[in-house]
Amino acid sequence: MLIGLALLWSASPVAQASRNRCHRLRPIAPFGPNTLRDAVVQGATSGAACVGACWPWMLVPAAAGGAHLAAMVLVTLLLLLERMAPAAPPHWRWPPAVSMVAALA
């Protein structure tokens, strides 16, 4: 059930918009007091986008019981494939990881 929810979420336009935000980089000041602020803003923005893109996948290992570690490894690999997918317009589509695995097969 959770895997179905996670796949449905990954296929949604909202998840794609979050994945697109994961690809955005903000300028970070190289020196001075603004450096720390810029780094924190970039980290918080990127982290929030990441949570928005993959939150249901984080529930899968938590519900896997004794297979928690194996589920975590599989979810990590799947989300790595999603992160490697290029930015795209947000609309309903196959989840990027499913498309990438199909292309590799």
PDB file of N, CA and C in Angstrom:
ATOM      1  N   MET A   1       0.828  -1.199   0.000  1.00  0.00           N
ATOM      2  CA  MET A   1       0.000   0.000   0.000  1.00  0.00           C
ATOM      3  C   MET A   1       0.873   1.264   0.000  1.00  0.00           C
ATOM      4  N   LEU A   2       1.886   1.292   0.886  1.00  0.00           N
ATOM      5  CA  LEU A   2       2.753   2.470   0.946  1.00  0.00           C
ATOM      6  C   LEU A   2       3.554   2.636  -0.333  1.00  0.00           C
ATOM      7  N   ILE A   3       3.970   1.535  -0.936  1.00  0.00           N
ATOM      8  CA  ILE A   3       4.723   1.625  -2.188  1.00  0.00           C
ATOM      9  C   ILE A   3       3.834   2.204  -3.282  1.00  0.00           C
ATOM     10  N   GLY A   4       2.569   1.799  -3.319  1.00  0.00           N
ATOM     11  CA  GLY A   4       1.630   2.361  -4.286  1.00  0.00           C
ATOM     12  C   GLY A   4       1.436   3.854  -4.075  1.00  0.00           C
ATOM     13  N   LEU A   5       1.299   4.273  -2.813  1.00  0.00           N
ATOM     14  CA  LEU A   5       1.172   5.696  -2.498  1.00  0.00           C
ATOM     15  C   LEU A   5       2.417   6.449  -2.931  1.00  0.00           C
ATOM     16  N   ALA A   6       3.593   5.869  -2.651  1.00  0.00           N
ATOM     17  CA  ALA A   6       4.848   6.526  -3.016  1.00  0.00           C
ATOM     18  C   ALA A   6       4.990   6.631  -4.532  1.00  0.00           C
ATOM     19  N   LEU A   7       4.620   5.586  -5.264  1.00  0.00           N
ATOM     20  CA  LEU A   7       4.680   5.637  -6.731  1.00  0.00           C
ATOM     21  C   LEU A   7       3.708   6.676  -7.281  1.00  0.00           C
ATOM     22  N   LEU A   8       2.500   6.708  -6.721  1.00  0.00           N
ATOM     23  CA  LEU A   8       1.511   7.703  -7.152  1.00  0.00           C
ATOM     24  C   LEU A   8       2.026   9.115  -6.875  1.00  0.00           C
ATOM     25  N   TRP A   9       2.613   9.328  -5.699  1.00  0.00           N
ATOM     26  CA  TRP A   9       3.168  10.640  -5.365  1.00  0.00           C
ATOM     27  C   TRP A   9       4.294  11.010  -6.322  1.00  0.00           C
ATOM     28  N   SER A  10       5.189  10.069  -6.608  1.00  0.00           N
ATOM     29  CA  SER A  10       6.316  10.349  -7.503  1.00  0.00           C
ATOM     30  C   SER A  10       5.854  10.693  -8.913  1.00  0.00           C
ATOM     31  N   ALA A  11       4.694  10.207  -9.305  1.00  0.00           N
ATOM     32  CA  ALA A  11       4.158  10.490 -10.636  1.00  0.00           C
ATOM     33  C   ALA A  11       3.417  11.824 -10.694  1.00  0.00           C
ATOM     34  N   SER A  12       3.161  12.441  -9.546  1.00  0.00           N
ATOM     35  CA  SER A  12       2.327  13.645  -9.497  1.00  0.00           C
ATOM     36  C   SER A  12       3.085  14.906  -9.915  1.00  0.00           C
ATOM     37  N   PRO A  13       2.347  15.912 -10.388  1.00  0.00           N
ATOM     38  CA  PRO A  13       2.974  17.193 -10.730  1.00  0.00           C
ATOM     39  C   PRO A  13       3.596  17.893  -9.521  1.00  0.00           C
ATOM     40  N   VAL A  14       3.025  17.715  -8.349  1.00  0.00           N
ATOM     41  CA  VAL A  14       3.572  18.349  -7.145  1.00  0.00           C
ATOM     42  C   VAL A  14       4.956  17.781  -6.833  1.00  0.00           C
ATOM     43  N   ALA A  15       5.104  16.465  -6.956  1.00  0.00           N
ATOM     44  CA  ALA A  15       6.412  15.849  -6.715  1.00  0.00           C
ATOM     45  C   ALA A  15       7.417  16.317  -7.759  1.00  0.00           C
ATOM     46  N   GLN A  16       6.986  16.448  -9.017  1.00  0.00           N
ATOM     47  CA  GLN A  16       7.905  16.915 -10.061  1.00  0.00           C
ATOM     48  C   GLN A  16       8.332  18.351  -9.795  1.00  0.00           C
ATOM     49  N   ALA A  17       7.407  19.188  -9.345  1.00  0.00           N
ATOM     50  CA  ALA A  17       7.765  20.570  -9.006  1.00  0.00           C
ATOM     51  C   ALA A  17       8.781  20.590  -7.857  1.00  0.00           C
ATOM     52  N   SER A  18       8.614  19.688  -6.888  1.00  0.00           N
ATOM     53  CA  SER A  18       9.584  19.599  -5.790  1.00  0.00           C
ATOM     54  C   SER A  18      10.937  19.120  -6.296  1.00  0.00           C
ATOM     55  N   ARG A  19      10.936  18.125  -7.194  1.00  0.00           N
ATOM     56  CA  ARG A  19      12.208  17.660  -7.764  1.00  0.00           C
ATOM     57  C   ARG A  19      12.886  18.781  -8.543  1.00  0.00           C
ATOM     58  N   ASN A  20      12.101  19.594  -9.241  1.00  0.00           N
ATOM     59  CA  ASN A  20      12.681  20.730  -9.969  1.00  0.00           C
ATOM     60  C   ASN A  20      13.342  21.708  -9.000  1.00  0.00           C
ATOM     61  N   ARG A  21      12.697  21.937  -7.846  1.00  0.00           N
ATOM     62  CA  ARG A  21      13.291  22.836  -6.851  1.00  0.00           C
ATOM     63  C   ARG A  21      14.578  22.250  -6.281  1.00  0.00           C
ATOM     64  N   CYS A  22      14.700  20.925  -6.267  1.00  0.00           N
ATOM     65  CA  CYS A  22      15.946  20.300  -5.799  1.00  0.00           C
ATOM     66  C   CYS A  22      17.124  20.666  -6.697  1.00  0.00           C
ATOM     67  N   HIS A  23      16.857  20.951  -7.965  1.00  0.00           N
ATOM     68  CA  HIS A  23      17.920  21.263  -8.921  1.00  0.00           C
ATOM     69  C   HIS A  23      18.361  22.721  -8.872  1.00  0.00           C
ATOM     70  N   ARG A  24      17.599  23.569  -8.194  1.00  0.00           N
ATOM     71  CA  ARG A  24      17.946  24.993  -8.156  1.00  0.00           C
ATOM     72  C   ARG A  24      19.106  25.244  -7.195  1.00  0.00           C
ATOM     73  N   LEU A  25      20.016  26.066  -7.648  1.00  0.00           N
ATOM     74  CA  LEU A  25      21.135  26.475  -6.795  1.00  0.00           C
ATOM     75  C   LEU A  25      21.072  27.983  -6.586  1.00  0.00           C
ATOM     76  N   ARG A  26      21.260  28.398  -5.360  1.00  0.00           N
ATOM     77  CA  ARG A  26      21.301  29.821  -5.037  1.00  0.00           C
ATOM     78  C   ARG A  26      22.750  30.256  -4.971  1.00  0.00           C
ATOM     79  N   PRO A  27      23.023  31.521  -5.259  1.00  0.00           N
ATOM     80  CA  PRO A  27      24.404  31.994  -5.114  1.00  0.00           C
ATOM     81  C   PRO A  27      24.779  32.043  -3.627  1.00  0.00           C
ATOM     82  N   ILE A  28      25.993  31.632  -3.334  1.00  0.00           N
ATOM     83  CA  ILE A  28      26.501  31.653  -1.960  1.00  0.00           C
ATOM     84  C   ILE A  28      27.721  32.567  -1.936  1.00  0.00           C
ATOM     85  N   ALA A  29      27.679  33.544  -1.055  1.00  0.00           N
ATOM     86  CA  ALA A  29      28.803  34.488  -0.927  1.00  0.00           C
ATOM     87  C   ALA A  29      30.061  33.721  -0.542  1.00  0.00           C
ATOM     88  N   PRO A  30      31.184  34.001  -1.192  1.00  0.00           N
ATOM     89  CA  PRO A  30      32.400  33.250  -0.892  1.00  0.00           C
ATOM     90  C   PRO A  30      33.058  33.642   0.433  1.00  0.00           C
ATOM     91  N   PHE A  31      32.846  34.863   0.875  1.00  0.00           N
ATOM     92  CA  PHE A  31      33.493  35.342   2.098  1.00  0.00           C
ATOM     93  C   PHE A  31      32.514  36.212   2.874  1.00  0.00           C
ATOM     94  N   GLY A  32      32.838  36.449   4.114  1.00  0.00           N
ATOM     95  CA  GLY A  32      32.094  37.406   4.915  1.00  0.00           C
ATOM     96  C   GLY A  32      30.913  36.810   5.649  1.00  0.00           C
ATOM     97  N   PRO A  33      30.159  37.685   6.310  1.00  0.00           N
ATOM     98  CA  PRO A  33      29.063  37.227   7.159  1.00  0.00           C
ATOM     99  C   PRO A  33      27.890  36.633   6.375  1.00  0.00           C
ATOM    100  N   ASN A  34      27.781  36.959   5.096  1.00  0.00           N
ATOM    101  CA  ASN A  34      26.663  36.430   4.312  1.00  0.00           C
ATOM    102  C   ASN A  34      26.875  34.980   3.897  1.00  0.00           C
ATOM    103  N   THR A  35      28.093  34.480   4.016  1.00  0.00           N
ATOM    104  CA  THR A  35      28.394  33.112   3.596  1.00  0.00           C
ATOM    105  C   THR A  35      27.563  32.093   4.369  1.00  0.00           C
ATOM    106  N   LEU A  36      27.566  32.204   5.687  1.00  0.00           N
ATOM    107  CA  LEU A  36      26.822  31.256   6.512  1.00  0.00           C
ATOM    108  C   LEU A  36      25.327  31.362   6.241  1.00  0.00           C
ATOM    109  N   ARG A  37      24.817  32.583   6.158  1.00  0.00           N
ATOM    110  CA  ARG A  37      23.393  32.767   5.887  1.00  0.00           C
ATOM    111  C   ARG A  37      23.010  32.145   4.553  1.00  0.00           C
ATOM    112  N   ASP A  38      23.795  32.414   3.505  1.00  0.00           N
ATOM    113  CA  ASP A  38      23.494  31.877   2.186  1.00  0.00           C
ATOM    114  C   ASP A  38      23.527  30.348   2.185  1.00  0.00           C
ATOM    115  N   ALA A  39      24.497  29.771   2.889  1.00  0.00           N
ATOM    116  CA  ALA A  39      24.600  28.312   2.958  1.00  0.00           C
ATOM    117  C   ALA A  39      23.406  27.708   3.697  1.00  0.00           C
ATOM    118  N   VAL A  40      22.981  28.340   4.778  1.00  0.00           N
ATOM    119  CA  VAL A  40      21.828  27.843   5.531  1.00  0.00           C
ATOM    120  C   VAL A  40      20.555  27.950   4.691  1.00  0.00           C
ATOM    121  N   VAL A  41      20.387  29.056   3.983  1.00  0.00           N
ATOM    122  CA  VAL A  41      19.204  29.218   3.132  1.00  0.00           C
ATOM    123  C   VAL A  41      19.201  28.168   2.021  1.00  0.00           C
ATOM    124  N   GLN A  42      20.363  27.944   1.389  1.00  0.00           N
ATOM    125  CA  GLN A  42      20.444  26.921   0.346  1.00  0.00           C
ATOM    126  C   GLN A  42      20.129  25.543   0.906  1.00  0.00           C
ATOM    127  N   GLY A  43      20.680  25.216   2.064  1.00  0.00           N
ATOM    128  CA  GLY A  43      20.431  23.916   2.674  1.00  0.00           C
ATOM    129  C   GLY A  43      18.975  23.727   3.066  1.00  0.00           C
ATOM    130  N   ALA A  44      18.372  24.751   3.652  1.00  0.00           N
ATOM    131  CA  ALA A  44      16.970  24.652   4.063  1.00  0.00           C
ATOM    132  C   ALA A  44      16.050  24.553   2.854  1.00  0.00           C
ATOM    133  N   THR A  45      16.328  25.333   1.825  1.00  0.00           N
ATOM    134  CA  THR A  45      15.505  25.308   0.614  1.00  0.00           C
ATOM    135  C   THR A  45      15.620  23.953  -0.077  1.00  0.00           C
ATOM    136  N   SER A  46      16.842  23.475  -0.222  1.00  0.00           N
ATOM    137  CA  SER A  46      17.068  22.184  -0.868  1.00  0.00           C
ATOM    138  C   SER A  46      16.473  21.048  -0.035  1.00  0.00           C
ATOM    139  N   GLY A  47      16.640  21.117   1.273  1.00  0.00           N
ATOM    140  CA  GLY A  47      16.089  20.086   2.150  1.00  0.00           C
ATOM    141  C   GLY A  47      14.573  20.041   2.112  1.00  0.00           C
ATOM    142  N   ALA A  48      13.931  21.201   2.110  1.00  0.00           N
ATOM    143  CA  ALA A  48      12.468  21.242   2.040  1.00  0.00           C
ATOM    144  C   ALA A  48      11.971  20.684   0.707  1.00  0.00           C
ATOM    145  N   ALA A  49      12.671  21.003  -0.374  1.00  0.00           N
ATOM    146  CA  ALA A  49      12.289  20.464  -1.681  1.00  0.00           C
ATOM    147  C   ALA A  49      12.465  18.952  -1.710  1.00  0.00           C
ATOM    148  N   CYS A  50      13.526  18.458  -1.099  1.00  0.00           N
ATOM    149  CA  CYS A  50      13.776  17.022  -1.057  1.00  0.00           C
ATOM    150  C   CYS A  50      12.684  16.302  -0.261  1.00  0.00           C
ATOM    151  N   VAL A  51      12.317  16.856   0.870  1.00  0.00           N
ATOM    152  CA  VAL A  51      11.237  16.268   1.663  1.00  0.00           C
ATOM    153  C   VAL A  51       9.943  16.275   0.859  1.00  0.00           C
ATOM    154  N   GLY A  52       9.671  17.368   0.164  1.00  0.00           N
ATOM    155  CA  GLY A  52       8.462  17.430  -0.655  1.00  0.00           C
ATOM    156  C   GLY A  52       8.458  16.423  -1.786  1.00  0.00           C
ATOM    157  N   ALA A  53       9.633  16.111  -2.315  1.00  0.00           N
ATOM    158  CA  ALA A  53       9.725  15.186  -3.441  1.00  0.00           C
ATOM    159  C   ALA A  53       9.621  13.729  -3.015  1.00  0.00           C
ATOM    160  N   CYS A  54      10.091  13.404  -1.818  1.00  0.00           N
ATOM    161  CA  CYS A  54      10.205  11.974  -1.499  1.00  0.00           C
ATOM    162  C   CYS A  54       9.635  11.564  -0.150  1.00  0.00           C
ATOM    163  N   TRP A  55       8.787  12.351   0.466  1.00  0.00           N
ATOM    164  CA  TRP A  55       8.305  12.021   1.805  1.00  0.00           C
ATOM    165  C   TRP A  55       7.627  10.658   1.895  1.00  0.00           C
ATOM    166  N   PRO A  56       6.800  10.219   0.924  1.00  0.00           N
ATOM    167  CA  PRO A  56       6.166   8.904   1.130  1.00  0.00           C
ATOM    168  C   PRO A  56       7.161   7.750   1.044  1.00  0.00           C
ATOM    169  N   TRP A  57       8.261   7.959   0.317  1.00  0.00           N
ATOM    170  CA  TRP A  57       9.271   6.900   0.223  1.00  0.00           C
ATOM    171  C   TRP A  57       9.948   6.680   1.558  1.00  0.00           C
ATOM    172  N   MET A  58      10.013   7.690   2.406  1.00  0.00           N
ATOM    173  CA  MET A  58      10.638   7.547   3.715  1.00  0.00           C
ATOM    174  C   MET A  58       9.804   6.677   4.647  1.00  0.00           C
ATOM    175  N   LEU A  59       8.509   6.544   4.345  1.00  0.00           N
ATOM    176  CA  LEU A  59       7.638   5.711   5.167  1.00  0.00           C
ATOM    177  C   LEU A  59       7.799   4.227   4.864  1.00  0.00           C
ATOM    178  N   VAL A  60       8.256   3.905   3.653  1.00  0.00           N
ATOM    179  CA  VAL A  60       8.359   2.498   3.234  1.00  0.00           C
ATOM    180  C   VAL A  60       9.309   1.713   4.137  1.00  0.00           C
ATOM    181  N   PRO A  61      10.567   2.154   4.363  1.00  0.00           N
ATOM    182  CA  PRO A  61      11.427   1.375   5.263  1.00  0.00           C
ATOM    183  C   PRO A  61      10.892   1.316   6.696  1.00  0.00           C
ATOM    184  N   ALA A  62      10.240   2.377   7.133  1.00  0.00           N
ATOM    185  CA  ALA A  62       9.704   2.399   8.489  1.00  0.00           C
ATOM    186  C   ALA A  62       8.623   1.339   8.672  1.00  0.00           C
ATOM    187  N   ALA A  63       7.918   0.985   7.599  1.00  0.00           N
ATOM    188  CA  ALA A  63       6.845  -0.006   7.672  1.00  0.00           C
ATOM    189  C   ALA A  63       7.309  -1.395   7.255  1.00  0.00           C
ATOM    190  N   ALA A  64       8.581  -1.555   6.933  1.00  0.00           N
ATOM    191  CA  ALA A  64       9.067  -2.833   6.400  1.00  0.00           C
ATOM    192  C   ALA A  64       9.385  -3.857   7.480  1.00  0.00           C
ATOM    193  N   GLY A  65       9.311  -3.495   8.729  1.00  0.00           N
ATOM    194  CA  GLY A  65       9.563  -4.443   9.810  1.00  0.00           C
ATOM    195  C   GLY A  65      10.983  -4.975   9.778  1.00  0.00           C
ATOM    196  N   GLY A  66      11.125  -6.293   9.711  1.00  0.00           N
ATOM    197  CA  GLY A  66      12.438  -6.928   9.725  1.00  0.00           C
ATOM    198  C   GLY A  66      13.249  -6.677   8.473  1.00  0.00           C
ATOM    199  N   ALA A  67      12.593  -6.249   7.399  1.00  0.00           N
ATOM    200  CA  ALA A  67      13.292  -5.964   6.141  1.00  0.00           C
ATOM    201  C   ALA A  67      13.643  -4.484   6.030  1.00  0.00           C
ATOM    202  N   HIS A  68      13.716  -3.822   7.176  1.00  0.00           N
ATOM    203  CA  HIS A  68      13.948  -2.378   7.194  1.00  0.00           C
ATOM    204  C   HIS A  68      15.218  -1.988   6.445  1.00  0.00           C
ATOM    205  N   LEU A  69      16.312  -2.676   6.695  1.00  0.00           N
ATOM    206  CA  LEU A  69      17.586  -2.317   6.076  1.00  0.00           C
ATOM    207  C   LEU A  69      17.553  -2.534   4.559  1.00  0.00           C
ATOM    208  N   ALA A  70      17.004  -3.660   4.117  1.00  0.00           N
ATOM    209  CA  ALA A  70      16.904  -3.928   2.678  1.00  0.00           C
ATOM    210  C   ALA A  70      15.995  -2.901   2.005  1.00  0.00           C
ATOM    211  N   ALA A  71      14.888  -2.567   2.656  1.00  0.00           N
ATOM    212  CA  ALA A  71      13.974  -1.565   2.099  1.00  0.00           C
ATOM    213  C   ALA A  71      14.659  -0.210   2.021  1.00  0.00           C
ATOM    214  N   MET A  72      15.456   0.127   3.018  1.00  0.00           N
ATOM    215  CA  MET A  72      16.154   1.409   3.007  1.00  0.00           C
ATOM    216  C   MET A  72      17.153   1.480   1.861  1.00  0.00           C
ATOM    217  N   VAL A  73      17.867   0.383   1.608  1.00  0.00           N
ATOM    218  CA  VAL A  73      18.823   0.352   0.506  1.00  0.00           C
ATOM    219  C   VAL A  73      18.101   0.519  -0.827  1.00  0.00           C
ATOM    220  N   LEU A  74      17.004  -0.211  -1.014  1.00  0.00           N
ATOM    221  CA  LEU A  74      16.247  -0.116  -2.276  1.00  0.00           C
ATOM    222  C   LEU A  74      15.646   1.272  -2.482  1.00  0.00           C
ATOM    223  N   VAL A  75      15.089   1.846  -1.425  1.00  0.00           N
ATOM    224  CA  VAL A  75      14.517   3.194  -1.526  1.00  0.00           C
ATOM    225  C   VAL A  75      15.611   4.211  -1.810  1.00  0.00           C
ATOM    226  N   THR A  76      16.763   4.049  -1.197  1.00  0.00           N
ATOM    227  CA  THR A  76      17.884   4.959  -1.450  1.00  0.00           C
ATOM    228  C   THR A  76      18.293   4.919  -2.915  1.00  0.00           C
ATOM    229  N   LEU A  77      18.422   3.724  -3.472  1.00  0.00           N
ATOM    230  CA  LEU A  77      18.787   3.594  -4.887  1.00  0.00           C
ATOM    231  C   LEU A  77      17.715   4.194  -5.794  1.00  0.00           C
ATOM    232  N   LEU A  78      16.466   3.942  -5.477  1.00  0.00           N
ATOM    233  CA  LEU A  78      15.370   4.487  -6.272  1.00  0.00           C
ATOM    234  C   LEU A  78      15.375   6.012  -6.223  1.00  0.00           C
ATOM    235  N   LEU A  79      15.555   6.582  -5.040  1.00  0.00           N
ATOM    236  CA  LEU A  79      15.554   8.041  -4.920  1.00  0.00           C
ATOM    237  C   LEU A  79      16.794   8.661  -5.543  1.00  0.00           C
ATOM    238  N   LEU A  80      17.898   7.932  -5.548  1.00  0.00           N
ATOM    239  CA  LEU A  80      19.081   8.417  -6.247  1.00  0.00           C
ATOM    240  C   LEU A  80      18.806   8.520  -7.746  1.00  0.00           C
ATOM    241  N   LEU A  81      18.117   7.531  -8.303  1.00  0.00           N
ATOM    242  CA  LEU A  81      17.736   7.599  -9.716  1.00  0.00           C
ATOM    243  C   LEU A  81      16.806   8.783  -9.976  1.00  0.00           C
ATOM    244  N   GLU A  82      15.859   9.004  -9.066  1.00  0.00           N
ATOM    245  CA  GLU A  82      14.954  10.155  -9.231  1.00  0.00           C
ATOM    246  C   GLU A  82      15.723  11.465  -9.174  1.00  0.00           C
ATOM    247  N   ARG A  83      16.701  11.545  -8.285  1.00  0.00           N
ATOM    248  CA  ARG A  83      17.484  12.779  -8.148  1.00  0.00           C
ATOM    249  C   ARG A  83      18.333  13.033  -9.381  1.00  0.00           C
ATOM    250  N   MET A  84      18.778  11.976 -10.039  1.00  0.00           N
ATOM    251  CA  MET A  84      19.605  12.115 -11.235  1.00  0.00           C
ATOM    252  C   MET A  84      18.791  12.495 -12.468  1.00  0.00           C
ATOM    253  N   ALA A  85      17.488  12.324 -12.416  1.00  0.00           N
ATOM    254  CA  ALA A  85      16.640  12.669 -13.558  1.00  0.00           C
ATOM    255  C   ALA A  85      16.663  14.178 -13.770  1.00  0.00           C
ATOM    256  N   PRO A  86      16.659  14.617 -15.023  1.00  0.00           N
ATOM    257  CA  PRO A  86      16.685  16.059 -15.278  1.00  0.00           C
ATOM    258  C   PRO A  86      15.371  16.728 -14.886  1.00  0.00           C
ATOM    259  N   ALA A  87      15.433  18.024 -14.686  1.00  0.00           N
ATOM    260  CA  ALA A  87      14.226  18.798 -14.397  1.00  0.00           C
ATOM    261  C   ALA A  87      13.277  18.685 -15.587  1.00  0.00           C
ATOM    262  N   ALA A  88      11.983  18.711 -15.303  1.00  0.00           N
ATOM    263  CA  ALA A  88      10.974  18.568 -16.351  1.00  0.00           C
ATOM    264  C   ALA A  88       9.734  19.358 -15.944  1.00  0.00           C
ATOM    265  N   PRO A  89       8.893  19.703 -16.910  1.00  0.00           N
ATOM    266  CA  PRO A  89       7.656  20.415 -16.558  1.00  0.00           C
ATOM    267  C   PRO A  89       6.781  19.546 -15.650  1.00  0.00           C
ATOM    268  N   PRO A  90       6.172  20.142 -14.630  1.00  0.00           N
ATOM    269  CA  PRO A  90       5.339  19.346 -13.725  1.00  0.00           C
ATOM    270  C   PRO A  90       4.011  18.945 -14.358  1.00  0.00           C
ATOM    271  N   HIS A  91       3.825  17.672 -14.580  1.00  0.00           N
ATOM    272  CA  HIS A  91       2.537  17.094 -14.964  1.00  0.00           C
ATOM    273  C   HIS A  91       2.585  15.610 -14.636  1.00  0.00           C
ATOM    274  N   TRP A  92       1.435  14.941 -14.729  1.00  0.00           N
ATOM    275  CA  TRP A  92       1.392  13.520 -14.413  1.00  0.00           C
ATOM    276  C   TRP A  92       2.250  12.762 -15.411  1.00  0.00           C
ATOM    277  N   ARG A  93       3.130  11.908 -14.922  1.00  0.00           N
ATOM    278  CA  ARG A  93       4.008  11.083 -15.761  1.00  0.00           C
ATOM    279  C   ARG A  93       4.454   9.879 -14.940  1.00  0.00           C
ATOM    280  N   TRP A  94       5.064   8.916 -15.608  1.00  0.00           N
ATOM    281  CA  TRP A  94       5.668   7.816 -14.872  1.00  0.00           C
ATOM    282  C   TRP A  94       6.728   8.391 -13.943  1.00  0.00           C
ATOM    283  N   PRO A  95       6.880   7.831 -12.750  1.00  0.00           N
ATOM    284  CA  PRO A  95       7.944   8.314 -11.870  1.00  0.00           C
ATOM    285  C   PRO A  95       9.297   8.215 -12.566  1.00  0.00           C
ATOM    286  N   PRO A  96      10.163   9.203 -12.410  1.00  0.00           N
ATOM    287  CA  PRO A  96      11.449   9.207 -13.098  1.00  0.00           C
ATOM    288  C   PRO A  96      12.269   7.941 -12.850  1.00  0.00           C
ATOM    289  N   ALA A  97      12.239   7.410 -11.643  1.00  0.00           N
ATOM    290  CA  ALA A  97      13.019   6.201 -11.345  1.00  0.00           C
ATOM    291  C   ALA A  97      12.514   5.021 -12.157  1.00  0.00           C
ATOM    292  N   VAL A  98      11.202   4.908 -12.314  1.00  0.00           N
ATOM    293  CA  VAL A  98      10.623   3.806 -13.101  1.00  0.00           C
ATOM    294  C   VAL A  98      11.057   3.956 -14.558  1.00  0.00           C
ATOM    295  N   SER A  99      11.008   5.174 -15.076  1.00  0.00           N
ATOM    296  CA  SER A  99      11.436   5.421 -16.459  1.00  0.00           C
ATOM    297  C   SER A  99      12.909   5.105 -16.645  1.00  0.00           C
ATOM    298  N   MET A 100      13.739   5.467 -15.664  1.00  0.00           N
ATOM    299  CA  MET A 100      15.182   5.227 -15.792  1.00  0.00           C
ATOM    300  C   MET A 100      15.503   3.739 -15.703  1.00  0.00           C
ATOM    301  N   VAL A 101      14.813   3.015 -14.811  1.00  0.00           N
ATOM    302  CA  VAL A 101      15.034   1.570 -14.709  1.00  0.00           C
ATOM    303  C   VAL A 101      14.587   0.887 -15.999  1.00  0.00           C
ATOM    304  N   ALA A 102      13.456   1.318 -16.561  1.00  0.00           N
ATOM    305  CA  ALA A 102      12.984   0.743 -17.830  1.00  0.00           C
ATOM    306  C   ALA A 102      13.976   1.011 -18.951  1.00  0.00           C
ATOM    307  N   ALA A 103      14.586   2.185 -18.951  1.00  0.00           N
ATOM    308  CA  ALA A 103      15.568   2.517 -19.997  1.00  0.00           C
ATOM    309  C   ALA A 103      16.838   1.684 -19.831  1.00  0.00           C
ATOM    310  N   LEU A 104      17.211   1.375 -18.593  1.00  0.00           N
ATOM    311  CA  LEU A 104      18.408   0.582 -18.349  1.00  0.00           C
ATOM    312  C   LEU A 104      18.195  -0.907 -18.671  1.00  0.00           C
ATOM    313  N   ALA A 105      16.952  -1.351 -18.590  1.00  0.00           N
ATOM    314  CA  ALA A 105      16.665  -2.781 -18.809  1.00  0.00           C
ATOM    315  C   ALA A 105      16.646  -3.167 -20.268  1.00  0.00           C
TER     316      ALA A 105
END
